[in-house]
Amino acid sequence: MSKKKAVAGVVISDDDKFLVVKKKEGRGIMGGKWHLPGKTLEKRENHRKALVRGIRKETGIEGAVGEYITYHITSKGTKVEWYECHAYTRDITPGSDVGDGMWVDRDNVVSLCINVFYLWPEEVRGYFIK
């Protein structure tokens, strides 16, 4: 069982758009799929710093971590902590492992992320199914 820890964010812009990213092909289980941004924690890194770093590294977006949502354990045993995040910037510059990113309406998150949507915890899915 993995002892890795990761963080993921529901990133919201000031006009209620949500950030989704598409990993490059060949980047593990998420390769080629749209999903919400996240990152594996580095040694001695706290969740909030890891998430700010991860969002910046994957998309170039600056922001802040808000409220804690929930956590889940992946099939590989990684504990993923989920947070609501608020974007300060909007321009997306895909990082080394992200092929694309975009801001979408709440209703479009489910259709874009359908391949991974049901892997998310119920509390996160609840953001997008009203």
C-alpha atoms as a PDB file:
ATOM      1  CA  MET A   1       0.000   0.000   0.000  1.00  0.00           C
ATOM      2  CA  SER A   2       1.331   3.416  -0.993  1.00  0.00           C
ATOM      3  CA  LYS A   3       2.182   6.003   1.631  1.00  0.00           C
ATOM      4  CA  LYS A   4       2.084   8.820  -0.886  1.00  0.00           C
ATOM      5  CA  LYS A   5       0.008  11.877  -0.171  1.00  0.00           C
ATOM      6  CA  ALA A   6      -1.478  14.181  -2.750  1.00  0.00           C
ATOM      7  CA  VAL A   7      -3.719  17.213  -2.962  1.00  0.00           C
ATOM      8  CA  ALA A   8      -6.305  18.261  -5.516  1.00  0.00           C
ATOM      9  CA  GLY A   9      -8.246  21.452  -5.953  1.00  0.00           C
ATOM     10  CA  VAL A  10     -11.597  22.665  -7.132  1.00  0.00           C
ATOM     11  CA  VAL A  11     -10.248  25.941  -8.551  1.00  0.00           C
ATOM     12  CA  ILE A  12     -12.842  28.669  -8.993  1.00  0.00           C
ATOM     13  CA  SER A  13     -12.384  32.007 -10.765  1.00  0.00           C
ATOM     14  CA  ASP A  14     -14.057  35.216  -9.698  1.00  0.00           C
ATOM     15  CA  ASP A  15     -16.698  34.716 -12.426  1.00  0.00           C
ATOM     16  CA  ASP A  16     -17.589  31.184 -11.261  1.00  0.00           C
ATOM     17  CA  LYS A  17     -15.639  29.264 -13.889  1.00  0.00           C
ATOM     18  CA  PHE A  18     -13.782  26.087 -12.937  1.00  0.00           C
ATOM     19  CA  LEU A  19     -10.246  25.139 -13.951  1.00  0.00           C
ATOM     20  CA  VAL A  20      -9.793  21.788 -15.696  1.00  0.00           C
ATOM     21  CA  VAL A  21      -6.533  20.392 -17.044  1.00  0.00           C
ATOM     22  CA  LYS A  22      -5.636  17.623 -19.445  1.00  0.00           C
ATOM     23  CA  LYS A  23      -2.527  15.613 -18.670  1.00  0.00           C
ATOM     24  CA  LYS A  24      -0.244  14.774 -21.560  1.00  0.00           C
ATOM     25  CA  GLU A  25      -0.574  11.274 -22.998  1.00  0.00           C
ATOM     26  CA  GLY A  26       1.562   8.688 -21.226  1.00  0.00           C
ATOM     27  CA  ARG A  27       1.302  10.439 -17.834  1.00  0.00           C
ATOM     28  CA  GLY A  28      -0.150   7.537 -15.867  1.00  0.00           C
ATOM     29  CA  ILE A  29      -3.819   6.811 -15.329  1.00  0.00           C
ATOM     30  CA  MET A  30      -4.701  10.480 -15.933  1.00  0.00           C
ATOM     31  CA  GLY A  31      -2.806  10.739 -19.228  1.00  0.00           C
ATOM     32  CA  GLY A  32      -4.929  12.258 -21.983  1.00  0.00           C
ATOM     33  CA  LYS A  33      -7.875  12.860 -19.645  1.00  0.00           C
ATOM     34  CA  TRP A  34      -9.445  16.067 -18.376  1.00  0.00           C
ATOM     35  CA  HIS A  35      -9.472  16.404 -14.590  1.00  0.00           C
ATOM     36  CA  LEU A  36      -9.028  18.866 -11.734  1.00  0.00           C
ATOM     37  CA  PRO A  37      -5.492  20.017 -10.898  1.00  0.00           C
ATOM     38  CA  GLY A  38      -3.473  18.387  -8.148  1.00  0.00           C
ATOM     39  CA  LYS A  39      -0.014  17.377  -7.041  1.00  0.00           C
ATOM     40  CA  THR A  40       1.863  14.804  -4.971  1.00  0.00           C
ATOM     41  CA  LEU A  41       3.329  16.234  -1.782  1.00  0.00           C
ATOM     42  CA  GLU A  42       7.081  16.538  -1.485  1.00  0.00           C
ATOM     43  CA  LYS A  43       8.840  15.623   1.774  1.00  0.00           C
ATOM     44  CA  ARG A  44       7.885  17.884   4.669  1.00  0.00           C
ATOM     45  CA  GLU A  45       5.544  19.932   2.456  1.00  0.00           C
ATOM     46  CA  ASN A  46       2.146  20.915   3.815  1.00  0.00           C
ATOM     47  CA  HIS A  47      -1.057  20.439   1.823  1.00  0.00           C
ATOM     48  CA  ARG A  48      -1.701  24.101   1.090  1.00  0.00           C
ATOM     49  CA  LYS A  49       1.808  24.834  -0.160  1.00  0.00           C
ATOM     50  CA  ALA A  50       1.761  21.699  -2.313  1.00  0.00           C
ATOM     51  CA  LEU A  51      -1.539  22.666  -3.900  1.00  0.00           C
ATOM     52  CA  VAL A  52      -0.482  26.249  -4.656  1.00  0.00           C
ATOM     53  CA  ARG A  53       2.783  24.875  -6.111  1.00  0.00           C
ATOM     54  CA  GLY A  54       0.945  22.215  -8.104  1.00  0.00           C
ATOM     55  CA  ILE A  55      -1.597  24.567  -9.636  1.00  0.00           C
ATOM     56  CA  ARG A  56       1.151  27.051 -10.534  1.00  0.00           C
ATOM     57  CA  LYS A  57       3.366  24.290 -11.997  1.00  0.00           C
ATOM     58  CA  GLU A  58       0.557  22.662 -14.001  1.00  0.00           C
ATOM     59  CA  THR A  59      -1.149  25.826 -15.258  1.00  0.00           C
ATOM     60  CA  GLY A  60       0.729  29.006 -14.338  1.00  0.00           C
ATOM     61  CA  ILE A  61      -2.333  30.097 -12.336  1.00  0.00           C
ATOM     62  CA  GLU A  62      -1.703  31.953  -9.081  1.00  0.00           C
ATOM     63  CA  GLY A  63      -4.209  31.460  -6.322  1.00  0.00           C
ATOM     64  CA  ALA A  64      -4.992  30.598  -2.745  1.00  0.00           C
ATOM     65  CA  VAL A  65      -6.275  27.520  -1.021  1.00  0.00           C
ATOM     66  CA  GLY A  66      -9.622  27.950   0.690  1.00  0.00           C
ATOM     67  CA  GLU A  67     -11.778  25.510   2.581  1.00  0.00           C
ATOM     68  CA  TYR A  68     -10.987  21.846   3.048  1.00  0.00           C
ATOM     69  CA  ILE A  69     -13.553  19.641   1.277  1.00  0.00           C
ATOM     70  CA  THR A  70     -12.712  15.993   1.996  1.00  0.00           C
ATOM     71  CA  TYR A  71     -10.211  13.234   1.249  1.00  0.00           C
ATOM     72  CA  HIS A  72     -10.209   9.851  -0.424  1.00  0.00           C
ATOM     73  CA  ILE A  73      -7.818   6.933  -0.831  1.00  0.00           C
ATOM     74  CA  THR A  74      -6.974   5.916  -4.408  1.00  0.00           C
ATOM     75  CA  SER A  75      -6.864   2.315  -5.605  1.00  0.00           C
ATOM     76  CA  LYS A  76      -3.061   2.525  -5.219  1.00  0.00           C
ATOM     77  CA  GLY A  77      -3.374   3.690  -1.625  1.00  0.00           C
ATOM     78  CA  THR A  78      -2.519   7.360  -2.105  1.00  0.00           C
ATOM     79  CA  LYS A  79      -4.379   9.662   0.261  1.00  0.00           C
ATOM     80  CA  VAL A  80      -5.720  12.664  -1.692  1.00  0.00           C
ATOM     81  CA  GLU A  81      -6.871  15.729   0.250  1.00  0.00           C
ATOM     82  CA  TRP A  82      -9.336  17.984  -1.610  1.00  0.00           C
ATOM     83  CA  TYR A  83      -9.634  21.767  -1.191  1.00  0.00           C
ATOM     84  CA  GLU A  84     -11.589  24.603  -2.701  1.00  0.00           C
ATOM     85  CA  CYS A  85      -9.177  27.093  -4.281  1.00  0.00           C
ATOM     86  CA  HIS A  86      -9.556  30.634  -5.578  1.00  0.00           C
ATOM     87  CA  ALA A  87      -7.687  31.837  -8.649  1.00  0.00           C
ATOM     88  CA  TYR A  88      -6.034  35.262  -8.672  1.00  0.00           C
ATOM     89  CA  THR A  89      -5.002  34.986 -12.323  1.00  0.00           C
ATOM     90  CA  ARG A  90      -6.742  33.545 -15.399  1.00  0.00           C
ATOM     91  CA  ASP A  91      -4.107  33.036 -18.105  1.00  0.00           C
ATOM     92  CA  ILE A  92      -3.266  29.352 -18.450  1.00  0.00           C
ATOM     93  CA  THR A  93       0.251  28.265 -19.369  1.00  0.00           C
ATOM     94  CA  PRO A  94       0.374  24.439 -19.426  1.00  0.00           C
ATOM     95  CA  GLY A  95       3.307  22.987 -17.474  1.00  0.00           C
ATOM     96  CA  SER A  96       5.576  20.057 -18.263  1.00  0.00           C
ATOM     97  CA  ASP A  97       2.983  17.336 -17.618  1.00  0.00           C
ATOM     98  CA  VAL A  98      -0.161  19.215 -18.712  1.00  0.00           C
ATOM     99  CA  GLY A  99      -1.083  19.378 -22.382  1.00  0.00           C
ATOM    100  CA  ASP A 100      -3.994  21.791 -22.041  1.00  0.00           C
ATOM    101  CA  GLY A 101      -6.120  23.669 -19.550  1.00  0.00           C
ATOM    102  CA  MET A 102      -9.251  25.779 -19.656  1.00  0.00           C
ATOM    103  CA  TRP A 103     -11.901  27.558 -17.616  1.00  0.00           C
ATOM    104  CA  VAL A 104     -15.366  26.046 -17.952  1.00  0.00           C
ATOM    105  CA  ASP A 105     -18.856  26.485 -16.564  1.00  0.00           C
ATOM    106  CA  ARG A 106     -19.918  24.207 -13.715  1.00  0.00           C
ATOM    107  CA  ASP A 107     -22.133  22.186 -16.078  1.00  0.00           C
ATOM    108  CA  ASN A 108     -19.229  21.374 -18.411  1.00  0.00           C
ATOM    109  CA  VAL A 109     -16.922  19.933 -15.749  1.00  0.00           C
ATOM    110  CA  VAL A 110     -18.843  16.650 -15.579  1.00  0.00           C
ATOM    111  CA  SER A 111     -18.922  16.064 -19.337  1.00  0.00           C
ATOM    112  CA  LEU A 112     -15.235  16.924 -19.783  1.00  0.00           C
ATOM    113  CA  CYS A 113     -14.057  14.913 -16.776  1.00  0.00           C
ATOM    114  CA  ILE A 114     -16.466  11.984 -17.164  1.00  0.00           C
ATOM    115  CA  ASN A 115     -13.596   9.434 -17.331  1.00  0.00           C
ATOM    116  CA  VAL A 116     -12.450  10.376 -13.819  1.00  0.00           C
ATOM    117  CA  PHE A 117     -15.551  12.029 -12.351  1.00  0.00           C
ATOM    118  CA  TYR A 118     -16.725   8.889 -10.551  1.00  0.00           C
ATOM    119  CA  LEU A 119     -13.294   8.445  -8.965  1.00  0.00           C
ATOM    120  CA  TRP A 120     -13.771  11.738  -7.111  1.00  0.00           C
ATOM    121  CA  PRO A 121     -15.296  11.688  -3.633  1.00  0.00           C
ATOM    122  CA  GLU A 122     -18.999  12.408  -3.342  1.00  0.00           C
ATOM    123  CA  GLU A 123     -18.347  15.809  -1.753  1.00  0.00           C
ATOM    124  CA  VAL A 124     -16.305  16.905  -4.790  1.00  0.00           C
ATOM    125  CA  ARG A 125     -18.814  15.533  -7.296  1.00  0.00           C
ATOM    126  CA  GLY A 126     -21.417  17.555  -5.395  1.00  0.00           C
ATOM    127  CA  TYR A 127     -19.783  20.789  -6.544  1.00  0.00           C
ATOM    128  CA  PHE A 128     -20.794  19.982 -10.088  1.00  0.00           C
ATOM    129  CA  ILE A 129     -24.152  18.232  -9.712  1.00  0.00           C
ATOM    130  CA  LYS A 130     -26.704  20.642  -8.365  1.00  0.00           C
END
